[in-house]
Amino acid sequence: MTIATRNRFIRLALVGSIALVVVTVAATVLILARKTLPSEIPGPRPLAVLSAIAPLAWSPRAALISICVYPIFSAVFLAYTLIAFEKTQTVEITFFATAVFAVALESIRVFIPFYGFWAHSSFYAEAISRVAYFSRFAVIILLLASGIYANGQAVQQLASSIFLIAFFAFGIANSIPIDTSFVDSNFFMKSGYEGMILLFFSLIGFMSVLPYLILGKTRGVREYSRAGFGALSFLLGFGLLGVCDSWIFLIGGTVLLFVGATAYLTQMRNYYLWQ
């Protein structure tokens, strides 16, 4: 993949993210204007054990607004990536930019509260949840790929690698069982094997950050170590927003997501400025 091809891909992803921003924000405004959010928790909370803590009280508005964060985040950082790395050939940034775009796909969850699917879970709610699972699997695997190929030179097979990752994420998202009887408190359908899926995300997340820390240590490149911590913050923020159904989760997840992506891209830019 040449620099020109990568930049065209990022521009296309940016247009898609902006379109999702418009759709998500418009849907959110309509939902709030119609006052159609549920007055009671539609289903179990992802972190029900924390329900007794007052600042973590359930808020349907916080859950709804958290969905808007995804495409806004993607649009902002795809634009930054396009500007900062327009003339820089870097494998890891290509994978990271694709992961940033995959984050925006999670915003399709806005249609669950928009159509009131919590009241009558259906095929559409399940399909929306599977798209969200695809987004999550794609983000975590793409970030792992960025770490594996960090400081690498194999740019010829980038397009096919991204396609294979997308295919793999799609296969996993469509193979896990989903409980179609109700929708969770954050407008998302709960899956089976939750413990196994959480373990998968945790292990892949750790493995995604580790290569940056190892490279930073073995090669004495501080930028890679700092980029690794930025990637960790990005993953933690993405995870918090994924279970967001309170204002604390919304604020914490948004801050971690934006700070992590900013730190990652800033450190990678600082590194490549001297290459």
Protein backbone atom coordinates (compact mmCIF):
# COMPACT_ATOMS: atom_id res chain seq x y z
CA MET A 1 0.00 0.00 0.00
CA THR A 2 1.48 3.31 -1.09
CA ILE A 3 1.20 6.54 0.89
CA ALA A 4 -1.27 7.91 -1.67
CA THR A 5 -3.47 4.82 -1.39
CA ARG A 6 -3.39 4.96 2.40
CA ASN A 7 -4.30 8.65 2.39
CA ARG A 8 -7.24 7.99 0.07
CA PHE A 9 -8.41 5.26 2.42
CA ILE A 10 -8.18 7.62 5.42
CA ARG A 11 -10.09 10.32 3.53
CA LEU A 12 -12.83 7.83 2.69
CA ALA A 13 -12.92 6.67 6.33
CA LEU A 14 -13.11 10.31 7.44
CA VAL A 15 -16.12 10.93 5.18
CA GLY A 16 -17.79 7.81 6.58
CA SER A 17 -17.12 8.94 10.15
CA ILE A 18 -18.53 12.40 9.49
CA ALA A 19 -21.65 10.82 8.01
CA LEU A 20 -22.02 8.71 11.16
CA VAL A 21 -21.59 11.85 13.29
CA VAL A 22 -24.50 13.50 11.46
CA VAL A 23 -26.72 10.42 11.75
CA THR A 24 -25.88 9.74 15.40
CA VAL A 25 -26.26 13.33 16.59
CA ALA A 26 -29.52 13.77 14.66
CA ALA A 27 -30.90 10.53 16.11
CA THR A 28 -29.85 11.59 19.62
CA VAL A 29 -31.54 14.98 19.29
CA LEU A 30 -34.75 13.32 18.08
CA ILE A 31 -34.69 10.78 20.90
CA LEU A 32 -34.26 13.51 23.52
CA ALA A 33 -36.88 15.74 21.88
CA ARG A 34 -39.42 12.92 21.79
CA LYS A 35 -38.54 11.93 25.37
CA THR A 36 -38.63 8.27 24.38
CA LEU A 37 -35.78 7.02 26.56
CA PRO A 38 -36.84 4.27 28.98
CA SER A 39 -37.79 5.44 32.47
CA GLU A 40 -36.63 2.17 34.01
CA ILE A 41 -33.54 0.08 33.36
CA PRO A 42 -34.41 -2.01 30.28
CA GLY A 43 -32.10 -4.86 31.25
CA PRO A 44 -29.17 -5.84 33.49
CA ARG A 45 -26.25 -3.48 33.88
CA PRO A 46 -22.84 -4.64 32.57
CA LEU A 47 -21.28 -3.82 35.95
CA ALA A 48 -24.28 -4.45 38.19
CA VAL A 49 -22.05 -4.88 41.24
CA LEU A 50 -21.38 -1.12 41.15
CA SER A 51 -25.04 -0.10 41.06
CA ALA A 52 -25.09 0.72 44.78
CA ILE A 53 -22.51 3.50 44.34
CA ALA A 54 -24.39 6.81 43.91
CA PRO A 55 -22.13 8.44 41.24
CA LEU A 56 -22.54 5.29 39.14
CA ALA A 57 -26.32 5.44 39.12
CA TRP A 58 -27.90 4.39 35.84
CA SER A 59 -28.58 7.20 33.37
CA PRO A 60 -30.13 6.51 29.95
CA ARG A 61 -28.94 9.93 28.75
CA ALA A 62 -25.34 9.09 29.59
CA ALA A 63 -25.65 5.79 27.73
CA LEU A 64 -27.15 7.59 24.73
CA ILE A 65 -24.55 10.37 24.64
CA SER A 66 -21.73 7.85 24.95
CA ILE A 67 -22.82 6.41 21.61
CA CYS A 68 -22.28 9.84 20.01
CA VAL A 69 -18.69 9.92 21.25
CA TYR A 70 -17.58 7.12 18.91
CA PRO A 71 -18.00 8.79 15.48
CA ILE A 72 -16.90 12.19 16.80
CA PHE A 73 -13.72 10.60 18.12
CA SER A 74 -13.10 8.83 14.80
CA ALA A 75 -13.66 11.98 12.73
CA VAL A 76 -11.32 14.05 14.90
CA PHE A 77 -8.43 11.59 14.92
CA LEU A 78 -8.74 10.48 11.32
CA ALA A 79 -8.45 14.15 10.35
CA TYR A 80 -5.44 14.54 12.65
CA THR A 81 -3.81 11.40 11.27
CA LEU A 82 -4.31 12.57 7.69
CA ILE A 83 -2.68 15.93 8.46
CA ALA A 84 0.15 14.71 10.70
CA PHE A 85 1.19 11.65 8.69
CA GLU A 86 0.24 12.71 5.16
CA LYS A 87 3.78 12.18 3.84
CA THR A 88 4.95 9.55 6.34
CA GLN A 89 5.15 5.89 5.38
CA THR A 90 4.40 3.99 8.57
CA VAL A 91 2.79 0.59 8.96
CA GLU A 92 1.54 1.01 12.51
CA ILE A 93 -0.28 4.25 11.77
CA THR A 94 -2.20 2.57 8.94
CA PHE A 95 -3.44 -0.11 11.31
CA PHE A 96 -4.19 2.45 14.03
CA ALA A 97 -6.14 4.67 11.64
CA THR A 98 -8.22 1.68 10.60
CA ALA A 99 -8.87 0.90 14.27
CA VAL A 100 -9.95 4.51 14.81
CA PHE A 101 -12.46 4.18 11.97
CA ALA A 102 -13.71 0.86 13.38
CA VAL A 103 -14.54 2.70 16.61
CA ALA A 104 -17.12 4.75 14.70
CA LEU A 105 -19.07 1.63 13.72
CA GLU A 106 -20.09 1.19 17.36
CA SER A 107 -22.32 4.25 16.91
CA ILE A 108 -24.90 2.12 15.08
CA ARG A 109 -26.15 1.22 18.58
CA VAL A 110 -28.03 4.54 18.54
CA PHE A 111 -30.80 2.81 16.56
CA ILE A 112 -31.69 0.60 19.53
CA PRO A 113 -32.98 3.55 21.64
CA PHE A 114 -34.14 5.35 18.47
CA TYR A 115 -36.57 2.56 17.60
CA GLY A 116 -37.24 1.50 21.19
CA PHE A 117 -35.86 -1.99 20.68
CA TRP A 118 -35.48 -2.49 24.44
CA ALA A 119 -39.25 -2.96 24.62
CA HIS A 120 -39.37 -5.66 21.97
CA SER A 121 -35.97 -7.16 21.21
CA SER A 122 -35.85 -8.34 17.62
CA PHE A 123 -33.65 -9.44 14.77
CA TYR A 124 -32.71 -5.79 14.15
CA ALA A 125 -31.45 -5.28 17.68
CA GLU A 126 -29.40 -8.46 17.38
CA ALA A 127 -27.94 -7.35 14.03
CA ILE A 128 -27.01 -3.97 15.52
CA SER A 129 -25.32 -5.66 18.47
CA ARG A 130 -23.33 -7.90 16.13
CA VAL A 131 -22.08 -4.85 14.22
CA ALA A 132 -20.98 -3.39 17.56
CA TYR A 133 -19.19 -6.65 18.39
CA PHE A 134 -17.50 -6.52 15.00
CA SER A 135 -16.32 -3.00 15.84
CA ARG A 136 -14.87 -4.14 19.16
CA PHE A 137 -13.10 -7.19 17.79
CA ALA A 138 -11.74 -5.22 14.83
CA VAL A 139 -10.38 -2.44 17.05
CA ILE A 140 -8.56 -4.79 19.39
CA ILE A 141 -7.08 -6.97 16.62
CA LEU A 142 -6.03 -3.97 14.50
CA LEU A 143 -4.28 -2.46 17.51
CA LEU A 144 -2.52 -5.79 18.04
CA ALA A 145 -1.40 -5.73 14.40
CA SER A 146 -0.07 -2.20 14.81
CA GLY A 147 2.05 -3.41 17.72
CA ILE A 148 3.31 -6.50 15.89
CA TYR A 149 4.33 -4.50 12.83
CA ALA A 150 5.64 -1.54 14.82
CA ASN A 151 8.74 -0.13 13.16
CA GLY A 152 8.36 -2.75 10.42
CA GLN A 153 8.94 -2.37 6.72
CA ALA A 154 6.35 -4.79 5.25
CA VAL A 155 3.99 -2.33 3.60
CA GLN A 156 3.11 -4.32 0.48
CA GLN A 157 0.59 -6.60 2.20
CA LEU A 158 -1.15 -4.00 4.34
CA ALA A 159 -4.41 -3.99 2.39
CA SER A 160 -4.73 -7.78 2.44
CA SER A 161 -3.81 -7.87 6.15
CA ILE A 162 -6.54 -5.35 7.01
CA PHE A 163 -9.04 -7.32 4.92
CA LEU A 164 -8.14 -10.55 6.74
CA ILE A 165 -8.49 -8.84 10.12
CA ALA A 166 -11.91 -7.50 9.13
CA PHE A 167 -12.95 -10.97 7.93
CA PHE A 168 -11.71 -12.56 11.15
CA ALA A 169 -13.52 -9.98 13.31
CA PHE A 170 -16.70 -10.46 11.27
CA GLY A 171 -16.50 -14.22 11.74
CA ILE A 172 -16.11 -13.95 15.52
CA ALA A 173 -18.89 -11.37 15.85
CA ASN A 174 -21.31 -13.63 13.97
CA SER A 175 -20.37 -16.81 15.79
CA ILE A 176 -20.87 -15.78 19.41
CA PRO A 177 -24.35 -16.42 20.84
CA ILE A 178 -26.47 -13.40 21.76
CA ASP A 179 -29.34 -13.35 24.25
CA THR A 180 -32.22 -11.89 22.22
CA SER A 181 -34.67 -11.76 25.14
CA PHE A 182 -33.69 -8.29 26.37
CA VAL A 183 -31.38 -5.30 25.88
CA ASP A 184 -28.83 -4.23 28.49
CA SER A 185 -28.90 -0.92 30.33
CA ASN A 186 -26.47 0.57 27.79
CA PHE A 187 -28.59 -0.37 24.74
CA PHE A 188 -26.65 -3.46 23.81
CA MET A 189 -27.52 -7.15 23.74
CA LYS A 190 -25.62 -9.37 26.12
CA SER A 191 -23.70 -12.29 24.64
CA GLY A 192 -22.96 -15.74 25.90
CA TYR A 193 -19.50 -16.67 27.16
CA GLU A 194 -19.05 -13.17 28.60
CA GLY A 195 -16.15 -14.25 30.77
CA MET A 196 -14.32 -15.78 27.82
CA ILE A 197 -14.89 -12.70 25.66
CA LEU A 198 -13.64 -10.40 28.43
CA LEU A 199 -10.55 -12.60 28.82
CA PHE A 200 -9.98 -12.45 25.05
CA PHE A 201 -10.16 -8.65 25.04
CA SER A 202 -7.87 -8.39 28.07
CA LEU A 203 -5.21 -10.72 26.63
CA ILE A 204 -5.23 -9.17 23.16
CA GLY A 205 -5.20 -5.69 24.70
CA PHE A 206 -2.15 -6.57 26.81
CA MET A 207 -0.42 -8.12 23.79
CA SER A 208 -1.20 -4.98 21.76
CA VAL A 209 0.58 -2.70 24.20
CA LEU A 210 3.50 -5.01 24.99
CA PRO A 211 5.39 -4.68 21.63
CA TYR A 212 5.58 -0.91 22.02
CA LEU A 213 6.95 -1.22 25.54
CA ILE A 214 9.49 -3.86 24.46
CA LEU A 215 10.66 -1.79 21.49
CA GLY A 216 10.92 1.27 23.67
CA LYS A 217 13.04 -0.62 26.20
CA THR A 218 15.29 -2.66 23.88
CA ARG A 219 15.94 0.14 21.39
CA GLY A 220 15.93 2.98 23.85
CA VAL A 221 13.11 4.76 22.02
CA ARG A 222 11.05 6.63 24.59
CA GLU A 223 8.41 7.54 22.01
CA TYR A 224 7.45 3.90 21.56
CA SER A 225 7.09 3.34 25.30
CA ARG A 226 4.91 6.42 25.63
CA ALA A 227 2.90 5.36 22.57
CA GLY A 228 2.30 2.03 24.30
CA PHE A 229 0.82 3.76 27.34
CA GLY A 230 -1.26 5.89 24.98
CA ALA A 231 -2.59 2.72 23.34
CA LEU A 232 -3.44 1.34 26.78
CA SER A 233 -5.38 4.49 27.67
CA PHE A 234 -7.18 4.28 24.32
CA LEU A 235 -8.25 0.67 25.02
CA LEU A 236 -9.37 1.44 28.56
CA GLY A 237 -11.44 4.39 27.35
CA PHE A 238 -12.99 2.30 24.58
CA GLY A 239 -13.81 -0.41 27.11
CA LEU A 240 -15.44 2.02 29.55
CA LEU A 241 -17.60 3.54 26.85
CA GLY A 242 -18.62 0.03 25.83
CA VAL A 243 -20.25 -0.51 29.23
CA CYS A 244 -21.26 3.12 29.75
CA ASP A 245 -24.61 3.64 31.42
CA SER A 246 -23.66 6.36 33.92
CA TRP A 247 -22.14 9.86 33.81
CA ILE A 248 -18.92 8.73 35.50
CA PHE A 249 -18.32 6.07 32.84
CA LEU A 250 -19.11 8.61 30.12
CA ILE A 251 -16.64 11.20 31.41
CA GLY A 252 -13.93 8.69 32.30
CA GLY A 253 -14.22 6.71 29.08
CA THR A 254 -14.23 9.81 26.88
CA VAL A 255 -11.19 11.33 28.60
CA LEU A 256 -9.19 8.09 28.45
CA LEU A 257 -10.12 7.52 24.79
CA PHE A 258 -9.15 11.00 23.60
CA VAL A 259 -6.05 11.30 25.80
CA GLY A 260 -4.84 7.85 24.76
CA ALA A 261 -5.22 8.47 21.02
CA THR A 262 -3.62 11.91 21.35
CA ALA A 263 -0.65 10.50 23.24
CA TYR A 264 -0.21 7.63 20.78
CA LEU A 265 -0.31 9.77 17.64
CA THR A 266 1.79 12.55 19.15
CA GLN A 267 4.55 10.16 20.21
CA MET A 268 4.55 8.35 16.86
CA ARG A 269 4.76 11.69 15.06
CA ASN A 270 7.66 12.77 17.28
CA TYR A 271 9.46 9.53 16.47
CA TYR A 272 9.00 9.69 12.69
CA LEU A 273 9.99 13.35 12.53
CA TRP A 274 13.57 12.18 13.11
CA GLN A 275 13.53 9.24 10.71
